[in-house]
Amino acid sequence: MNRTQREAAVRQIMERGAPQVPADLYGDVVRRGSRMLRRRTAARRIMWLLLFAASVAFVVWALTARPWVEPPSTTTPPMGGW
């Protein structure tokens, strides 16, 4: 393809104009898009709720189990009464 043929092809494509879209397609697209937004919003809210519940459960566990405290030694009895 030489330069003049390419230019003619480009002119032909540009003169065609925008493609025609079916009239009922817009309603379907809006409906599908709003459904996707609702699902994403619901999923995001559920994820935040799960994160909050997990953090509350961790805090409650940490306050009751106190994993940072060293357990008492059970290998030797306490010294007393000397």
N, C-alpha and C. Protein backbone atom coordinates (compact mmCIF):
# COMPACT_ATOMS: atom_id res chain seq x y z
N MET A 1 0.84 -1.17 0.00
CA MET A 1 0.00 0.00 0.00
C MET A 1 0.90 1.24 0.00
N ASN A 2 0.69 2.10 -0.98
CA ASN A 2 1.51 3.30 -1.02
C ASN A 2 0.81 4.42 -0.24
N ARG A 3 1.44 5.57 -0.23
CA ARG A 3 0.95 6.68 0.60
C ARG A 3 -0.43 7.17 0.14
N THR A 4 -0.65 7.29 -1.14
CA THR A 4 -1.94 7.80 -1.62
C THR A 4 -3.07 6.83 -1.29
N GLN A 5 -2.81 5.54 -1.36
CA GLN A 5 -3.84 4.56 -1.01
C GLN A 5 -4.16 4.61 0.49
N ARG A 6 -3.13 4.79 1.30
CA ARG A 6 -3.36 4.90 2.74
C ARG A 6 -4.16 6.15 3.06
N GLU A 7 -3.81 7.27 2.44
CA GLU A 7 -4.54 8.52 2.68
C GLU A 7 -6.00 8.38 2.23
N ALA A 8 -6.23 7.72 1.10
CA ALA A 8 -7.60 7.51 0.62
C ALA A 8 -8.38 6.63 1.60
N ALA A 9 -7.73 5.61 2.13
CA ALA A 9 -8.39 4.72 3.09
C ALA A 9 -8.74 5.48 4.38
N VAL A 10 -7.83 6.32 4.82
CA VAL A 10 -8.09 7.11 6.03
C VAL A 10 -9.21 8.10 5.79
N ARG A 11 -9.21 8.76 4.65
CA ARG A 11 -10.30 9.71 4.34
C ARG A 11 -11.65 8.99 4.30
N GLN A 12 -11.65 7.83 3.71
CA GLN A 12 -12.88 7.06 3.61
C GLN A 12 -13.40 6.68 5.00
N ILE A 13 -12.51 6.28 5.89
CA ILE A 13 -12.90 5.93 7.25
C ILE A 13 -13.42 7.15 7.99
N MET A 14 -12.75 8.30 7.81
CA MET A 14 -13.16 9.52 8.51
C MET A 14 -14.48 10.07 7.99
N GLU A 15 -14.79 9.86 6.71
CA GLU A 15 -16.03 10.38 6.13
C GLU A 15 -17.25 9.55 6.51
N ARG A 16 -17.03 8.33 6.93
CA ARG A 16 -18.15 7.48 7.32
C ARG A 16 -18.90 8.05 8.52
N GLY A 17 -18.18 8.67 9.44
CA GLY A 17 -18.82 9.21 10.64
C GLY A 17 -18.87 8.18 11.75
N ALA A 18 -19.58 8.54 12.79
CA ALA A 18 -19.68 7.66 13.95
C ALA A 18 -20.62 6.51 13.64
N PRO A 19 -20.35 5.35 14.17
CA PRO A 19 -21.24 4.21 13.94
C PRO A 19 -22.57 4.42 14.68
N GLN A 20 -23.61 3.86 14.12
CA GLN A 20 -24.94 3.98 14.73
C GLN A 20 -25.09 2.94 15.84
N VAL A 21 -25.65 3.39 16.95
CA VAL A 21 -25.87 2.53 18.11
C VAL A 21 -27.36 2.28 18.24
N PRO A 22 -27.79 1.06 18.45
CA PRO A 22 -29.21 0.79 18.62
C PRO A 22 -29.79 1.59 19.79
N ALA A 23 -31.03 2.02 19.65
CA ALA A 23 -31.66 2.89 20.65
C ALA A 23 -31.87 2.19 21.97
N ASP A 24 -32.20 0.91 21.97
CA ASP A 24 -32.46 0.21 23.22
C ASP A 24 -31.19 -0.19 23.95
N LEU A 25 -30.04 -0.03 23.31
CA LEU A 25 -28.78 -0.40 23.94
C LEU A 25 -28.46 0.51 25.12
N TYR A 26 -28.82 1.78 25.04
CA TYR A 26 -28.52 2.73 26.11
C TYR A 26 -29.19 2.31 27.42
N GLY A 27 -30.43 1.94 27.37
CA GLY A 27 -31.14 1.51 28.58
C GLY A 27 -30.52 0.28 29.21
N ASP A 28 -30.13 -0.67 28.37
CA ASP A 28 -29.49 -1.88 28.88
C ASP A 28 -28.15 -1.56 29.54
N VAL A 29 -27.40 -0.67 28.93
CA VAL A 29 -26.09 -0.31 29.47
C VAL A 29 -26.24 0.40 30.81
N VAL A 30 -27.20 1.32 30.90
CA VAL A 30 -27.43 2.04 32.16
C VAL A 30 -27.87 1.07 33.24
N ARG A 31 -28.76 0.16 32.92
CA ARG A 31 -29.25 -0.81 33.89
C ARG A 31 -28.11 -1.71 34.37
N ARG A 32 -27.31 -2.20 33.44
CA ARG A 32 -26.20 -3.07 33.81
C ARG A 32 -25.15 -2.33 34.62
N GLY A 33 -24.88 -1.08 34.25
CA GLY A 33 -23.90 -0.29 34.98
C GLY A 33 -24.35 0.01 36.40
N SER A 34 -25.63 0.35 36.57
CA SER A 34 -26.11 0.62 37.92
C SER A 34 -26.11 -0.64 38.76
N ARG A 35 -26.40 -1.77 38.15
CA ARG A 35 -26.35 -3.05 38.88
C ARG A 35 -24.91 -3.34 39.32
N MET A 36 -23.95 -3.09 38.44
CA MET A 36 -22.55 -3.32 38.80
C MET A 36 -22.13 -2.40 39.94
N LEU A 37 -22.56 -1.14 39.89
CA LEU A 37 -22.21 -0.21 40.96
C LEU A 37 -22.82 -0.65 42.29
N ARG A 38 -24.06 -1.11 42.27
CA ARG A 38 -24.69 -1.59 43.51
C ARG A 38 -23.95 -2.80 44.07
N ARG A 39 -23.56 -3.71 43.19
CA ARG A 39 -22.83 -4.90 43.65
C ARG A 39 -21.48 -4.52 44.23
N ARG A 40 -20.78 -3.62 43.57
CA ARG A 40 -19.48 -3.19 44.09
C ARG A 40 -19.63 -2.50 45.44
N THR A 41 -20.65 -1.66 45.56
CA THR A 41 -20.88 -0.96 46.83
C THR A 41 -21.21 -1.96 47.93
N ALA A 42 -22.05 -2.93 47.62
CA ALA A 42 -22.41 -3.95 48.62
C ALA A 42 -21.18 -4.77 49.00
N ALA A 43 -20.38 -5.15 48.03
CA ALA A 43 -19.17 -5.94 48.32
C ALA A 43 -18.20 -5.13 49.17
N ARG A 44 -18.06 -3.86 48.86
CA ARG A 44 -17.16 -3.00 49.64
C ARG A 44 -17.65 -2.86 51.07
N ARG A 45 -18.95 -2.70 51.26
CA ARG A 45 -19.50 -2.58 52.61
C ARG A 45 -19.33 -3.88 53.39
N ILE A 46 -19.54 -5.00 52.73
CA ILE A 46 -19.37 -6.29 53.40
C ILE A 46 -17.92 -6.50 53.80
N MET A 47 -16.99 -6.11 52.93
CA MET A 47 -15.57 -6.25 53.26
C MET A 47 -15.19 -5.38 54.46
N TRP A 48 -15.69 -4.13 54.50
CA TRP A 48 -15.42 -3.26 55.65
C TRP A 48 -16.02 -3.85 56.92
N LEU A 49 -17.22 -4.41 56.83
CA LEU A 49 -17.87 -5.02 57.99
C LEU A 49 -17.06 -6.22 58.48
N LEU A 50 -16.57 -7.05 57.56
CA LEU A 50 -15.75 -8.20 57.95
C LEU A 50 -14.43 -7.76 58.57
N LEU A 51 -13.83 -6.73 58.03
CA LEU A 51 -12.59 -6.21 58.60
C LEU A 51 -12.83 -5.68 60.01
N PHE A 52 -13.93 -4.95 60.20
CA PHE A 52 -14.25 -4.43 61.52
C PHE A 52 -14.51 -5.56 62.50
N ALA A 53 -15.28 -6.58 62.08
CA ALA A 53 -15.57 -7.71 62.95
C ALA A 53 -14.30 -8.47 63.32
N ALA A 54 -13.40 -8.65 62.36
CA ALA A 54 -12.15 -9.35 62.64
C ALA A 54 -11.28 -8.55 63.61
N SER A 55 -11.24 -7.25 63.44
CA SER A 55 -10.43 -6.44 64.36
C SER A 55 -11.02 -6.44 65.76
N VAL A 56 -12.35 -6.40 65.88
CA VAL A 56 -12.98 -6.48 67.21
C VAL A 56 -12.71 -7.84 67.84
N ALA A 57 -12.82 -8.90 67.05
CA ALA A 57 -12.54 -10.24 67.57
C ALA A 57 -11.09 -10.35 68.03
N PHE A 58 -10.16 -9.78 67.28
CA PHE A 58 -8.75 -9.82 67.67
C PHE A 58 -8.52 -9.05 68.96
N VAL A 59 -9.12 -7.88 69.10
CA VAL A 59 -8.94 -7.08 70.32
C VAL A 59 -9.51 -7.81 71.52
N VAL A 60 -10.70 -8.41 71.37
CA VAL A 60 -11.29 -9.16 72.48
C VAL A 60 -10.42 -10.34 72.85
N TRP A 61 -9.92 -11.06 71.87
CA TRP A 61 -9.03 -12.20 72.14
C TRP A 61 -7.76 -11.74 72.84
N ALA A 62 -7.16 -10.64 72.36
CA ALA A 62 -5.92 -10.16 72.94
C ALA A 62 -6.13 -9.70 74.38
N LEU A 63 -7.27 -9.10 74.67
CA LEU A 63 -7.51 -8.67 76.04
C LEU A 63 -7.80 -9.82 76.99
N THR A 64 -8.38 -10.90 76.49
CA THR A 64 -8.67 -12.03 77.36
C THR A 64 -7.49 -13.00 77.47
N ALA A 65 -6.79 -13.25 76.38
CA ALA A 65 -5.69 -14.23 76.39
C ALA A 65 -4.38 -13.60 76.86
N ARG A 66 -4.22 -12.33 76.65
CA ARG A 66 -2.99 -11.59 77.02
C ARG A 66 -1.74 -12.35 76.56
N PRO A 67 -1.54 -12.47 75.24
CA PRO A 67 -0.42 -13.26 74.72
C PRO A 67 0.94 -12.61 74.99
N TRP A 68 0.99 -11.37 75.40
CA TRP A 68 2.26 -10.70 75.66
C TRP A 68 2.80 -11.01 77.05
N VAL A 69 1.97 -11.61 77.93
CA VAL A 69 2.40 -11.94 79.28
C VAL A 69 3.06 -13.31 79.26
N GLU A 70 4.22 -13.41 79.91
CA GLU A 70 4.93 -14.67 79.96
C GLU A 70 4.20 -15.62 80.90
N PRO A 71 3.97 -16.87 80.47
CA PRO A 71 3.25 -17.81 81.35
C PRO A 71 4.10 -18.16 82.57
N PRO A 72 3.47 -18.48 83.68
CA PRO A 72 4.24 -18.82 84.88
C PRO A 72 5.01 -20.11 84.68
N SER A 73 6.14 -20.19 85.33
CA SER A 73 6.99 -21.36 85.22
C SER A 73 6.39 -22.51 86.03
N THR A 74 6.36 -23.66 85.44
CA THR A 74 5.82 -24.84 86.13
C THR A 74 6.90 -25.90 86.39
N THR A 75 8.15 -25.59 86.09
CA THR A 75 9.21 -26.60 86.22
C THR A 75 9.79 -26.63 87.64
N THR A 76 9.86 -25.51 88.34
CA THR A 76 10.41 -25.49 89.71
C THR A 76 9.39 -24.88 90.64
N PRO A 77 9.28 -25.40 91.81
CA PRO A 77 8.33 -24.82 92.76
C PRO A 77 8.87 -23.49 93.28
N PRO A 78 8.00 -22.63 93.76
CA PRO A 78 8.49 -21.36 94.30
C PRO A 78 9.27 -21.58 95.60
N MET A 79 10.30 -20.80 95.78
CA MET A 79 11.13 -20.91 96.98
C MET A 79 10.47 -20.10 98.08
N GLY A 80 10.34 -20.68 99.22
CA GLY A 80 9.76 -19.95 100.35
C GLY A 80 9.98 -20.69 101.66
N GLY A 81 9.91 -19.99 102.76
CA GLY A 81 10.03 -20.60 104.09
C GLY A 81 11.46 -20.95 104.46
N TRP A 82 12.45 -20.28 104.07
CA TRP A 82 13.83 -20.58 104.45
C TRP A 82 14.08 -20.07 105.79
